[in-house]
Amino acid sequence: MRFIFFLFTILFFGSFSMQSQILKDVDSTKVYKVVDSLFIDRDLENYSVRLFSNYKVKRFTLRDDDSKTRFIPSNPFGIGVGFASRKIVVDIAFNLKNNKDRITNKFDMQGTTIIGNNHFVNFYVQTYKGYNVKNNYNEPTIFRGDIKSATVGFNYLFTLSEIEFSYAMLKAGVSKRNKNVHITGGLGTFAVFDYFSGDETILSDEGALFYNEQANIKRYSSHGIGVLAGFISAFMLPKNLIASFNVMPGIAVMNKRVTIPDDTYRPSNPMLYKIDYTAALAYNAERYYVSLIYNGSAYSTSLDFDNKQLFSLSKAKLAFGYKIWAKKKNK
């Protein structure tokens, strides 16, 4: 219920903000111009169709000074099709499920956009059910279909100089070569909601013996807001190659709640530490392009009693695109 309430709050305030702006700009022509400038690319040569394979996973870890238990979802790979332009990329993926006895059911949506010239925004909504439970104390790996998790969040970075390069352009095989190096940085904010639970506890009876009783968690939830800093970079290399690298560390204040079999407590240490990073390499030809992009995020927070919770978000995509209306240049 907390997760549903959190989603409802985001949608409510998002729709309220959007409605307020539309009410102020009652001129439908102005509304059309805003939509047109944000999403419509009128240069047909920028449009392409895409085939891709991807890797998406949200995993989390419970650990103390000696023991570590990792919760890793199954079937992280997918294939899909899509289309792209300079302003928007739409990809539809189909999850590959190899082992029918160990299926992780999930919804995983992640996106990145650049608004205006100085506003970098990244968001994610993830719900997972079914995890492989691994450890470092020689207990066998088991699959727990009852363990579920949910994560919702966003990152916002205001850059000190204009962002001259976007991942949408890289993904779409469109690049500006007026500069060989694009580097900018800035400050921003982020918010995150994180949740996981099991029908009983997330540790097995045998695994719980390696921890204190406060680590035998039945349900965990947290939400918070923080600040981040970072830089965005792109490098135009010879032979139509483009490389890019982003790093955004951050720190947040969290409100955390832990439920164990006989009690509920709130960890006294409110801090959460995180780092986001992206690496990309693309080859852009006249009629086609190939891109490989990896996004990773790592979060760490204390649960008191020498226990820590860590979770990570990972996404990788290898895409091949064909530019439908691009004109072949004369040699």
Foldseek 3Di string as FASTA:
>chain_A
DVVVVVVVVVVVVVVVVVVVVCVVVVPVVVVVVVCCVQANDPPLLLKWKKKKKKFWWKKKWKDFPPKIKIWTAPQRIWIWIWMAGLRDTDIDIDTDDDDPVQHKDKDKDKDWHADDFFKTKIWIWMKIFKTWMDMDPPDDIDIARFKMKIKTKMWIWGWPDGQPDDVSCQVSLHDDVPDQKDKIKGKTKMKMKIKIAGPAFPADPVRCVVADQQSRFGMKIKIWMWMKIKMWMKGQDPQQKIKIKIKIKIKIFMFMWTDGPPDIDTAPFRMKIKMKMKIKMKHHDQFKIKIKIKIKMKMKDDPPPRMIMIMMIIMIMIMIITRDPGDDDDD
